[in-house]
C-alpha cells in the first residue's frame, strides 16, 4: 500500500484568542490533533514533529500573543522536513 504523499493544508484563525487556554482550544478545534493532546506548547511541538511532515499550516490573526507559538513552529520546522508554517496578521 502506498503512503499518502499529499500535503495536508490547514488554516487556523486565531482572532479573539487572548490566552494560552484559548490558543490551545483553537489549535485543537482547527487541526487534527490526537485525543491525548496536552494543551501546551511542548505538546504542540511534539505533534508537529511527529505528524507534521506533510502539513502546511497558515495561522491568521496571530498577533503578538503568538510569540511562543511562532518559536515552537520555527523549531519544529527545523526538525521536520516538509512541515511548513506561516503567520499572516
N, C-alpha and C. Protein backbone atom coordinates (compact mmCIF):
# COMPACT_ATOMS: atom_id res chain seq x y z
N UNK A 1 0.84 -1.17 0.00
CA UNK A 1 0.00 0.00 0.00
C UNK A 1 0.89 1.25 0.00
N UNK A 2 0.57 2.21 -0.82
CA UNK A 2 1.34 3.44 -0.90
C UNK A 2 0.95 4.37 0.23
N UNK A 3 1.94 5.09 0.76
CA UNK A 3 1.67 6.10 1.78
C UNK A 3 1.08 7.34 1.15
N UNK A 4 0.50 8.18 1.97
CA UNK A 4 -0.07 9.42 1.49
C UNK A 4 1.05 10.42 1.24
N UNK A 5 1.24 10.82 -0.01
CA UNK A 5 2.29 11.76 -0.34
C UNK A 5 1.75 13.18 -0.50
N UNK A 6 0.51 13.36 -0.25
CA UNK A 6 -0.14 14.65 -0.45
C UNK A 6 0.01 15.54 0.80
N UNK A 7 0.31 16.80 0.57
CA UNK A 7 0.42 17.77 1.66
C UNK A 7 -0.97 18.10 2.18
N UNK A 8 -1.11 18.09 3.50
CA UNK A 8 -2.37 18.48 4.14
C UNK A 8 -2.27 19.96 4.48
N UNK A 9 -3.27 20.72 4.07
CA UNK A 9 -3.25 22.18 4.27
C UNK A 9 -4.30 22.58 5.30
N UNK A 10 -3.88 23.46 6.21
CA UNK A 10 -4.76 23.91 7.28
C UNK A 10 -4.64 25.42 7.42
N UNK A 11 -5.75 26.07 7.70
CA UNK A 11 -5.76 27.48 8.07
C UNK A 11 -6.35 27.57 9.46
N UNK A 12 -5.61 28.21 10.36
CA UNK A 12 -6.04 28.34 11.75
C UNK A 12 -6.22 29.82 12.05
N UNK A 13 -7.45 30.22 12.34
CA UNK A 13 -7.76 31.61 12.65
C UNK A 13 -7.67 31.81 14.16
N UNK A 14 -6.77 32.68 14.57
CA UNK A 14 -6.57 32.93 15.99
C UNK A 14 -7.20 34.25 16.45
N UNK A 15 -8.09 34.80 15.63
CA UNK A 15 -8.79 36.03 16.01
C UNK A 15 -9.54 35.79 17.32
N UNK A 16 -9.38 36.70 18.24
CA UNK A 16 -10.07 36.60 19.52
C UNK A 16 -9.35 35.78 20.57
N UNK A 17 -8.25 35.13 20.21
CA UNK A 17 -7.50 34.35 21.19
C UNK A 17 -6.74 35.32 22.08
N UNK A 18 -6.97 35.20 23.38
CA UNK A 18 -6.36 36.14 24.32
C UNK A 18 -5.44 35.48 25.34
N UNK A 19 -5.46 34.16 25.44
CA UNK A 19 -4.63 33.49 26.43
C UNK A 19 -4.28 32.09 25.95
N UNK A 20 -3.46 31.41 26.75
CA UNK A 20 -3.00 30.07 26.37
C UNK A 20 -4.15 29.09 26.21
N UNK A 21 -5.11 29.15 27.10
CA UNK A 21 -6.26 28.23 27.01
C UNK A 21 -7.01 28.44 25.69
N UNK A 22 -7.19 29.68 25.30
CA UNK A 22 -7.86 29.98 24.04
C UNK A 22 -7.05 29.53 22.84
N UNK A 23 -5.73 29.70 22.92
CA UNK A 23 -4.85 29.24 21.84
C UNK A 23 -4.97 27.74 21.65
N UNK A 24 -4.89 27.00 22.72
CA UNK A 24 -4.91 25.54 22.59
C UNK A 24 -6.30 25.03 22.22
N UNK A 25 -7.33 25.73 22.63
CA UNK A 25 -8.68 25.37 22.18
C UNK A 25 -8.80 25.59 20.67
N UNK A 26 -8.23 26.69 20.17
CA UNK A 26 -8.26 26.96 18.73
C UNK A 26 -7.46 25.92 17.96
N UNK A 27 -6.28 25.57 18.47
CA UNK A 27 -5.46 24.55 17.81
C UNK A 27 -6.20 23.22 17.76
N UNK A 28 -6.75 22.81 18.89
CA UNK A 28 -7.44 21.52 18.96
C UNK A 28 -8.71 21.52 18.11
N UNK A 29 -9.32 22.67 17.95
CA UNK A 29 -10.56 22.74 17.17
C UNK A 29 -10.34 22.85 15.67
N UNK A 30 -9.14 23.29 15.26
CA UNK A 30 -8.92 23.56 13.84
C UNK A 30 -7.84 22.70 13.19
N UNK A 31 -7.17 21.88 13.98
CA UNK A 31 -6.16 20.97 13.46
C UNK A 31 -6.48 19.54 13.89
N UNK A 32 -6.02 18.55 13.14
CA UNK A 32 -6.29 17.15 13.51
C UNK A 32 -5.32 16.65 14.59
N UNK A 33 -5.48 17.19 15.78
CA UNK A 33 -4.60 16.81 16.89
C UNK A 33 -5.12 15.53 17.52
N UNK A 34 -4.22 14.74 18.07
CA UNK A 34 -4.65 13.48 18.70
C UNK A 34 -5.47 13.76 19.97
N UNK A 35 -6.27 12.80 20.35
CA UNK A 35 -7.11 12.94 21.54
C UNK A 35 -6.29 13.22 22.78
N UNK A 36 -5.09 12.69 22.84
CA UNK A 36 -4.25 12.86 24.02
C UNK A 36 -3.45 14.16 24.01
N UNK A 37 -3.77 15.08 23.10
CA UNK A 37 -3.05 16.37 23.00
C UNK A 37 -3.02 17.06 24.37
N UNK A 38 -1.85 17.49 24.80
CA UNK A 38 -1.64 18.00 26.14
C UNK A 38 -1.98 19.47 26.38
N UNK A 39 -2.43 20.19 25.37
CA UNK A 39 -2.85 21.59 25.51
C UNK A 39 -1.76 22.48 26.11
N UNK A 40 -0.52 22.31 25.60
CA UNK A 40 0.58 23.20 25.95
C UNK A 40 1.53 23.23 24.75
N UNK A 41 2.44 24.20 24.73
CA UNK A 41 3.31 24.35 23.57
C UNK A 41 4.28 23.19 23.38
N UNK A 42 4.71 22.56 24.45
CA UNK A 42 5.58 21.38 24.30
C UNK A 42 4.82 20.26 23.60
N UNK A 43 3.57 20.06 23.97
CA UNK A 43 2.74 19.03 23.33
C UNK A 43 2.50 19.37 21.87
N UNK A 44 2.29 20.66 21.56
CA UNK A 44 2.08 21.06 20.17
C UNK A 44 3.34 20.80 19.36
N UNK A 45 4.50 21.10 19.92
CA UNK A 45 5.76 20.81 19.24
C UNK A 45 5.86 19.32 18.93
N UNK A 46 5.51 18.49 19.90
CA UNK A 46 5.56 17.04 19.70
C UNK A 46 4.64 16.60 18.57
N UNK A 47 3.45 17.18 18.49
CA UNK A 47 2.51 16.85 17.41
C UNK A 47 3.10 17.25 16.06
N UNK A 48 3.65 18.46 15.99
CA UNK A 48 4.22 18.92 14.72
C UNK A 48 5.36 18.04 14.26
N UNK A 49 6.24 17.64 15.17
CA UNK A 49 7.38 16.83 14.76
C UNK A 49 6.99 15.38 14.48
N UNK A 50 5.93 14.91 15.10
CA UNK A 50 5.50 13.53 14.87
C UNK A 50 4.61 13.38 13.64
N UNK A 51 3.69 14.32 13.44
CA UNK A 51 2.69 14.18 12.38
C UNK A 51 2.80 15.21 11.26
N UNK A 52 3.61 16.25 11.44
CA UNK A 52 3.57 17.39 10.55
C UNK A 52 4.43 17.36 9.32
N UNK A 53 5.04 16.25 8.99
CA UNK A 53 5.98 16.20 7.86
C UNK A 53 5.34 16.61 6.54
N UNK A 54 4.06 16.48 6.41
CA UNK A 54 3.38 16.88 5.17
C UNK A 54 2.26 17.88 5.47
N UNK A 55 2.47 18.69 6.49
CA UNK A 55 1.48 19.71 6.85
C UNK A 55 1.95 21.08 6.38
N UNK A 56 0.98 21.88 5.93
CA UNK A 56 1.19 23.30 5.63
C UNK A 56 0.14 24.05 6.44
N UNK A 57 0.57 24.79 7.44
CA UNK A 57 -0.35 25.49 8.33
C UNK A 57 -0.17 26.99 8.13
N UNK A 58 -1.29 27.68 7.96
CA UNK A 58 -1.29 29.14 7.91
C UNK A 58 -2.08 29.63 9.12
N UNK A 59 -1.40 30.37 9.98
CA UNK A 59 -2.06 30.99 11.13
C UNK A 59 -2.46 32.40 10.75
N UNK A 60 -3.73 32.71 10.89
CA UNK A 60 -4.23 34.06 10.60
C UNK A 60 -4.55 34.75 11.91
N UNK A 61 -4.38 36.07 11.91
CA UNK A 61 -4.71 36.91 13.06
C UNK A 61 -3.96 36.47 14.31
N UNK A 62 -2.68 36.10 14.15
CA UNK A 62 -1.91 35.59 15.27
C UNK A 62 -1.56 36.69 16.27
N UNK A 63 -1.19 37.85 15.79
CA UNK A 63 -0.86 38.95 16.68
C UNK A 63 0.33 38.66 17.57
N UNK A 64 0.57 39.55 18.51
CA UNK A 64 1.71 39.45 19.41
C UNK A 64 1.55 38.31 20.41
N UNK A 65 0.33 37.89 20.66
CA UNK A 65 0.09 36.84 21.66
C UNK A 65 0.67 35.50 21.23
N UNK A 66 1.04 35.38 19.98
CA UNK A 66 1.50 34.10 19.46
C UNK A 66 3.02 33.99 19.41
N UNK A 67 3.73 34.79 20.18
CA UNK A 67 5.21 34.76 20.13
C UNK A 67 5.74 33.37 20.46
N UNK A 68 5.22 32.74 21.50
CA UNK A 68 5.65 31.40 21.86
C UNK A 68 5.30 30.38 20.79
N UNK A 69 4.14 30.54 20.19
CA UNK A 69 3.71 29.65 19.11
C UNK A 69 4.65 29.76 17.92
N UNK A 70 5.03 30.97 17.59
CA UNK A 70 5.95 31.19 16.46
C UNK A 70 7.29 30.48 16.71
N UNK A 71 7.79 30.59 17.92
CA UNK A 71 9.07 29.96 18.26
C UNK A 71 8.97 28.44 18.19
N UNK A 72 7.89 27.88 18.70
CA UNK A 72 7.68 26.43 18.66
C UNK A 72 7.60 25.95 17.22
N UNK A 73 6.87 26.68 16.40
CA UNK A 73 6.72 26.28 15.00
C UNK A 73 8.05 26.38 14.25
N UNK A 74 8.83 27.41 14.54
CA UNK A 74 10.15 27.55 13.90
C UNK A 74 11.05 26.37 14.27
N UNK A 75 11.06 26.00 15.55
CA UNK A 75 11.86 24.86 15.99
C UNK A 75 11.38 23.57 15.32
N UNK A 76 10.09 23.38 15.26
CA UNK A 76 9.53 22.16 14.67
C UNK A 76 9.85 22.08 13.18
N UNK A 77 9.82 23.23 12.48
CA UNK A 77 10.16 23.22 11.05
C UNK A 77 11.62 22.83 10.83
N UNK A 78 12.51 23.27 11.72
CA UNK A 78 13.92 22.89 11.60
C UNK A 78 14.10 21.39 11.77
N UNK A 79 13.29 20.78 12.63
CA UNK A 79 13.42 19.36 12.93
C UNK A 79 12.61 18.45 12.00
N UNK A 80 11.67 19.03 11.24
CA UNK A 80 10.72 18.22 10.49
C UNK A 80 10.69 18.63 9.02
N UNK A 81 11.45 17.96 8.18
CA UNK A 81 11.40 18.28 6.74
C UNK A 81 9.98 18.10 6.20
N UNK A 82 9.54 19.07 5.43
CA UNK A 82 8.21 19.01 4.84
C UNK A 82 7.15 19.77 5.61
N UNK A 83 7.42 20.13 6.86
CA UNK A 83 6.49 20.94 7.64
C UNK A 83 6.66 22.40 7.24
N UNK A 84 5.53 23.04 6.91
CA UNK A 84 5.55 24.46 6.56
C UNK A 84 4.54 25.18 7.45
N UNK A 85 4.98 26.27 8.08
CA UNK A 85 4.10 27.06 8.93
C UNK A 85 4.31 28.52 8.58
N UNK A 86 3.19 29.22 8.37
CA UNK A 86 3.21 30.63 8.01
C UNK A 86 2.29 31.41 8.95
N UNK A 87 2.62 32.66 9.17
CA UNK A 87 1.81 33.55 10.00
C UNK A 87 1.38 34.75 9.19
N UNK A 88 0.10 35.02 9.19
CA UNK A 88 -0.45 36.20 8.50
C UNK A 88 -1.20 37.03 9.52
N UNK A 89 -0.79 38.27 9.65
CA UNK A 89 -1.50 39.19 10.56
C UNK A 89 -1.21 38.99 12.00
